[in-house]
N, C-alpha and C. Protein backbone atom coordinates (compact mmCIF):
# COMPACT_ATOMS: atom_id res chain seq x y z
N MET A 1 -38.06 -7.55 69.94
CA MET A 1 -37.40 -7.40 68.67
C MET A 1 -36.62 -8.69 68.39
N GLY A 2 -36.83 -9.25 67.21
CA GLY A 2 -36.16 -10.49 66.82
C GLY A 2 -34.74 -10.24 66.34
N LEU A 3 -33.96 -11.27 66.31
CA LEU A 3 -32.59 -11.17 65.82
C LEU A 3 -32.56 -11.49 64.34
N TYR A 4 -31.71 -10.80 63.64
CA TYR A 4 -31.51 -11.03 62.21
C TYR A 4 -30.55 -12.21 62.03
N ASN A 5 -30.99 -13.19 61.27
CA ASN A 5 -30.16 -14.36 61.02
C ASN A 5 -29.80 -14.39 59.54
N PRO A 6 -28.57 -13.96 59.17
CA PRO A 6 -28.20 -13.91 57.75
C PRO A 6 -28.19 -15.28 57.09
N ALA A 7 -28.11 -16.33 57.84
CA ALA A 7 -28.11 -17.68 57.25
C ALA A 7 -29.47 -18.03 56.67
N SER A 8 -30.52 -17.27 57.05
CA SER A 8 -31.86 -17.60 56.56
C SER A 8 -32.25 -16.78 55.32
N VAL A 9 -31.35 -15.95 54.81
CA VAL A 9 -31.65 -15.13 53.66
C VAL A 9 -31.29 -15.88 52.38
N THR A 10 -32.23 -15.91 51.44
CA THR A 10 -31.99 -16.52 50.14
C THR A 10 -31.83 -15.42 49.11
N VAL A 11 -30.76 -15.49 48.34
CA VAL A 11 -30.51 -14.52 47.29
C VAL A 11 -30.58 -15.24 45.96
N ASN A 12 -31.44 -14.75 45.09
CA ASN A 12 -31.56 -15.30 43.74
C ASN A 12 -30.92 -14.34 42.76
N ILE A 13 -29.83 -14.75 42.17
CA ILE A 13 -29.14 -13.93 41.20
C ILE A 13 -29.69 -14.28 39.83
N PRO A 14 -30.21 -13.26 39.09
CA PRO A 14 -30.76 -13.56 37.78
C PRO A 14 -29.68 -14.06 36.83
N THR A 15 -30.02 -15.07 36.07
CA THR A 15 -29.10 -15.59 35.07
C THR A 15 -29.77 -15.52 33.71
N SER A 16 -28.96 -15.55 32.69
CA SER A 16 -29.47 -15.47 31.33
C SER A 16 -28.82 -16.54 30.48
N GLY A 17 -29.61 -17.18 29.66
CA GLY A 17 -29.08 -18.16 28.73
C GLY A 17 -29.19 -17.70 27.29
N THR A 18 -29.73 -16.49 27.09
CA THR A 18 -29.95 -16.00 25.73
C THR A 18 -29.47 -14.56 25.60
N ALA A 19 -28.68 -14.30 24.58
CA ALA A 19 -28.26 -12.94 24.24
C ALA A 19 -28.75 -12.64 22.82
N THR A 20 -29.63 -11.68 22.69
CA THR A 20 -30.19 -11.33 21.39
C THR A 20 -29.43 -10.12 20.84
N PRO A 21 -28.70 -10.31 19.71
CA PRO A 21 -27.93 -9.20 19.15
C PRO A 21 -28.77 -8.33 18.22
N THR A 22 -28.56 -7.02 18.29
CA THR A 22 -29.13 -6.08 17.34
C THR A 22 -28.10 -5.01 17.04
N THR A 23 -28.28 -4.38 15.90
CA THR A 23 -27.45 -3.24 15.51
C THR A 23 -28.38 -2.06 15.30
N VAL A 24 -28.03 -0.94 15.91
CA VAL A 24 -28.81 0.29 15.77
C VAL A 24 -27.93 1.30 15.06
N ASN A 25 -28.35 1.73 13.87
CA ASN A 25 -27.58 2.72 13.13
C ASN A 25 -27.59 4.06 13.85
N SER A 26 -26.46 4.76 13.81
CA SER A 26 -26.35 6.04 14.50
C SER A 26 -27.28 7.06 13.87
N SER A 27 -27.68 8.03 14.69
CA SER A 27 -28.59 9.07 14.25
C SER A 27 -28.38 10.31 15.11
N ALA A 28 -28.54 11.48 14.50
CA ALA A 28 -28.47 12.73 15.25
C ALA A 28 -29.82 13.08 15.86
N ALA A 29 -30.79 12.16 15.73
CA ALA A 29 -32.09 12.31 16.38
C ALA A 29 -32.25 11.16 17.37
N SER A 30 -32.94 11.41 18.46
CA SER A 30 -33.15 10.36 19.47
C SER A 30 -33.91 9.19 18.87
N GLN A 31 -33.47 8.00 19.23
CA GLN A 31 -34.13 6.78 18.75
C GLN A 31 -34.04 5.69 19.81
N THR A 32 -34.83 4.66 19.64
CA THR A 32 -34.84 3.55 20.58
C THR A 32 -33.63 2.65 20.36
N ILE A 33 -32.88 2.42 21.43
CA ILE A 33 -31.78 1.46 21.41
C ILE A 33 -32.31 0.08 21.80
N LEU A 34 -33.13 0.03 22.86
CA LEU A 34 -33.81 -1.20 23.28
C LEU A 34 -35.22 -0.85 23.71
N ALA A 35 -36.18 -1.63 23.22
CA ALA A 35 -37.57 -1.47 23.67
C ALA A 35 -37.69 -1.98 25.09
N ALA A 36 -38.72 -1.55 25.79
CA ALA A 36 -38.99 -2.08 27.13
C ALA A 36 -39.22 -3.58 27.02
N ASN A 37 -38.72 -4.33 28.00
CA ASN A 37 -38.85 -5.78 27.98
C ASN A 37 -38.81 -6.28 29.43
N SER A 38 -39.95 -6.71 29.93
CA SER A 38 -40.02 -7.16 31.32
C SER A 38 -39.22 -8.44 31.56
N ASN A 39 -38.82 -9.13 30.50
CA ASN A 39 -38.01 -10.35 30.64
C ASN A 39 -36.51 -10.08 30.59
N ARG A 40 -36.11 -8.82 30.36
CA ARG A 40 -34.68 -8.49 30.28
C ARG A 40 -34.00 -8.69 31.63
N LYS A 41 -32.86 -9.35 31.60
CA LYS A 41 -32.06 -9.54 32.81
C LYS A 41 -30.80 -8.68 32.76
N GLY A 42 -30.49 -8.18 31.60
CA GLY A 42 -29.31 -7.35 31.44
C GLY A 42 -29.10 -7.01 29.98
N GLY A 43 -28.03 -6.31 29.72
CA GLY A 43 -27.72 -5.96 28.34
C GLY A 43 -26.43 -5.18 28.25
N THR A 44 -25.94 -5.08 27.03
CA THR A 44 -24.72 -4.32 26.76
C THR A 44 -24.93 -3.45 25.53
N ILE A 45 -24.21 -2.34 25.51
CA ILE A 45 -24.21 -1.45 24.35
C ILE A 45 -22.76 -1.08 24.06
N TRP A 46 -22.34 -1.30 22.83
CA TRP A 46 -20.99 -0.91 22.39
C TRP A 46 -21.16 0.14 21.31
N ASN A 47 -20.55 1.30 21.50
CA ASN A 47 -20.63 2.39 20.55
C ASN A 47 -19.60 2.16 19.44
N ASN A 48 -20.06 1.60 18.34
CA ASN A 48 -19.20 1.30 17.19
C ASN A 48 -19.26 2.48 16.22
N SER A 49 -18.80 3.64 16.70
CA SER A 49 -18.88 4.88 15.95
C SER A 49 -17.71 5.77 16.38
N THR A 50 -17.36 6.73 15.54
CA THR A 50 -16.36 7.72 15.94
C THR A 50 -17.01 8.89 16.66
N ALA A 51 -18.36 8.91 16.70
CA ALA A 51 -19.11 9.95 17.39
C ALA A 51 -19.45 9.49 18.81
N THR A 52 -19.85 10.42 19.65
CA THR A 52 -20.26 10.11 21.02
C THR A 52 -21.73 9.72 21.03
N LEU A 53 -22.05 8.65 21.75
CA LEU A 53 -23.42 8.17 21.92
C LEU A 53 -23.90 8.53 23.32
N TYR A 54 -25.05 9.18 23.40
CA TYR A 54 -25.68 9.54 24.67
C TYR A 54 -26.85 8.59 24.90
N VAL A 55 -26.80 7.83 25.97
CA VAL A 55 -27.81 6.82 26.28
C VAL A 55 -28.69 7.33 27.40
N GLU A 56 -30.01 7.14 27.25
CA GLU A 56 -30.96 7.58 28.26
C GLU A 56 -31.91 6.45 28.63
N PHE A 57 -32.14 6.26 29.94
CA PHE A 57 -33.17 5.34 30.40
C PHE A 57 -34.50 6.07 30.30
N GLY A 58 -35.20 5.87 29.21
CA GLY A 58 -36.45 6.55 28.96
C GLY A 58 -36.67 6.68 27.46
N ASN A 59 -37.73 7.42 27.09
CA ASN A 59 -38.15 7.52 25.69
C ASN A 59 -37.27 8.38 24.81
N THR A 60 -36.62 9.40 25.40
CA THR A 60 -35.91 10.38 24.58
C THR A 60 -34.56 10.72 25.19
N ALA A 61 -33.52 10.54 24.39
CA ALA A 61 -32.17 10.95 24.80
C ALA A 61 -31.86 12.29 24.15
N SER A 62 -31.03 13.07 24.81
CA SER A 62 -30.56 14.33 24.21
C SER A 62 -29.09 14.50 24.57
N LEU A 63 -28.46 15.47 23.95
CA LEU A 63 -27.05 15.74 24.23
C LEU A 63 -26.86 16.39 25.59
N THR A 64 -27.94 16.79 26.25
CA THR A 64 -27.85 17.43 27.55
C THR A 64 -28.56 16.66 28.66
N ALA A 65 -29.41 15.69 28.32
CA ALA A 65 -30.13 14.89 29.32
C ALA A 65 -29.93 13.42 28.96
N PHE A 66 -29.07 12.74 29.73
CA PHE A 66 -28.72 11.36 29.40
C PHE A 66 -28.27 10.63 30.65
N THR A 67 -28.29 9.30 30.56
CA THR A 67 -27.85 8.44 31.66
C THR A 67 -26.35 8.14 31.55
N ALA A 68 -25.89 7.89 30.33
CA ALA A 68 -24.48 7.55 30.11
C ALA A 68 -24.00 8.16 28.81
N LYS A 69 -22.73 8.57 28.81
CA LYS A 69 -22.09 9.16 27.63
C LYS A 69 -21.01 8.18 27.17
N LEU A 70 -21.20 7.60 25.99
CA LEU A 70 -20.25 6.61 25.48
C LEU A 70 -19.42 7.26 24.38
N LEU A 71 -18.16 7.45 24.66
CA LEU A 71 -17.25 7.97 23.65
C LEU A 71 -17.05 6.94 22.56
N ALA A 72 -16.41 7.31 21.48
CA ALA A 72 -16.14 6.38 20.38
C ALA A 72 -15.51 5.10 20.94
N GLY A 73 -16.09 3.96 20.59
CA GLY A 73 -15.58 2.68 21.07
C GLY A 73 -16.00 2.35 22.50
N GLY A 74 -16.82 3.20 23.11
CA GLY A 74 -17.23 3.00 24.50
C GLY A 74 -18.20 1.83 24.67
N TYR A 75 -18.22 1.29 25.89
CA TYR A 75 -19.01 0.11 26.23
C TYR A 75 -19.82 0.41 27.49
N PHE A 76 -21.07 -0.08 27.53
CA PHE A 76 -21.95 0.19 28.66
C PHE A 76 -22.74 -1.08 29.00
N GLU A 77 -22.81 -1.39 30.29
CA GLU A 77 -23.63 -2.50 30.75
C GLU A 77 -24.87 -1.94 31.44
N ILE A 78 -26.02 -2.43 31.06
CA ILE A 78 -27.28 -1.96 31.63
C ILE A 78 -27.38 -2.48 33.06
N PRO A 79 -27.47 -1.58 34.05
CA PRO A 79 -27.43 -2.01 35.45
C PRO A 79 -28.80 -2.30 36.06
N PHE A 80 -28.78 -2.91 37.23
CA PHE A 80 -29.93 -3.04 38.12
C PHE A 80 -31.13 -3.74 37.50
N ASN A 81 -30.90 -4.62 36.55
CA ASN A 81 -32.01 -5.31 35.89
C ASN A 81 -33.04 -4.34 35.33
N TYR A 82 -32.60 -3.23 34.80
CA TYR A 82 -33.49 -2.23 34.21
C TYR A 82 -34.20 -2.83 33.01
N THR A 83 -35.53 -2.75 32.98
CA THR A 83 -36.33 -3.38 31.93
C THR A 83 -37.08 -2.38 31.05
N GLY A 84 -36.92 -1.09 31.32
CA GLY A 84 -37.63 -0.06 30.55
C GLY A 84 -36.96 0.24 29.22
N ILE A 85 -37.56 1.18 28.50
CA ILE A 85 -37.03 1.59 27.21
C ILE A 85 -35.69 2.31 27.39
N ILE A 86 -34.81 2.14 26.41
CA ILE A 86 -33.52 2.82 26.39
C ILE A 86 -33.40 3.54 25.06
N ALA A 87 -33.14 4.84 25.12
CA ALA A 87 -33.01 5.65 23.92
C ALA A 87 -31.56 6.09 23.77
N GLY A 88 -31.20 6.51 22.56
CA GLY A 88 -29.85 7.00 22.31
C GLY A 88 -29.84 8.04 21.21
N ILE A 89 -28.82 8.87 21.26
CA ILE A 89 -28.59 9.88 20.23
C ILE A 89 -27.08 10.08 20.11
N TRP A 90 -26.61 10.25 18.89
CA TRP A 90 -25.19 10.50 18.65
C TRP A 90 -24.99 11.98 18.35
N ASP A 91 -23.79 12.50 18.63
CA ASP A 91 -23.51 13.89 18.29
C ASP A 91 -23.16 14.07 16.82
N ALA A 92 -23.03 12.97 16.09
CA ALA A 92 -22.87 12.96 14.63
C ALA A 92 -23.30 11.57 14.15
N ALA A 93 -23.88 11.50 12.98
CA ALA A 93 -24.40 10.22 12.48
C ALA A 93 -23.34 9.49 11.66
N ASN A 94 -22.67 8.55 12.33
CA ASN A 94 -21.77 7.63 11.63
C ASN A 94 -21.59 6.39 12.51
N GLY A 95 -21.53 5.25 11.89
CA GLY A 95 -21.37 4.01 12.65
C GLY A 95 -22.69 3.51 13.21
N ASN A 96 -22.60 2.77 14.33
CA ASN A 96 -23.78 2.16 14.91
C ASN A 96 -23.51 1.77 16.36
N ALA A 97 -24.53 1.21 16.97
CA ALA A 97 -24.40 0.62 18.31
C ALA A 97 -24.62 -0.87 18.17
N GLN A 98 -23.74 -1.65 18.75
CA GLN A 98 -23.90 -3.09 18.81
C GLN A 98 -24.52 -3.39 20.16
N VAL A 99 -25.73 -3.94 20.14
CA VAL A 99 -26.52 -4.12 21.36
C VAL A 99 -26.75 -5.60 21.60
N ARG A 100 -26.67 -6.01 22.86
CA ARG A 100 -27.00 -7.38 23.26
C ARG A 100 -27.98 -7.28 24.41
N GLU A 101 -29.13 -7.93 24.24
CA GLU A 101 -30.13 -7.97 25.31
C GLU A 101 -30.14 -9.38 25.89
N LEU A 102 -29.98 -9.48 27.20
CA LEU A 102 -29.91 -10.76 27.88
C LEU A 102 -31.27 -11.07 28.48
N THR A 103 -31.83 -12.21 28.11
CA THR A 103 -33.14 -12.61 28.63
C THR A 103 -33.07 -14.00 29.22
């Protein structure tokens, strides 16, 4: 059995030089917040609404099945270099989501 030498491990931390802004109007029906993008390195979502935004990693968000619950004014950072589709639904339609996709 060989010895583990931590000095020989290379870690590449993804970096981004581009942030693409979008605005997604609130809706009481599930909708796409970010399309799948294999070049995505990260992203942010700010709930610019007085309603609660439910964010789901997948095609359809609901008020009972979601990844993150963003209260009014809430902020969310997309973790783990997730590159799949992100859906969202609000519990009332007012305001929007301010989205930044980092590539």
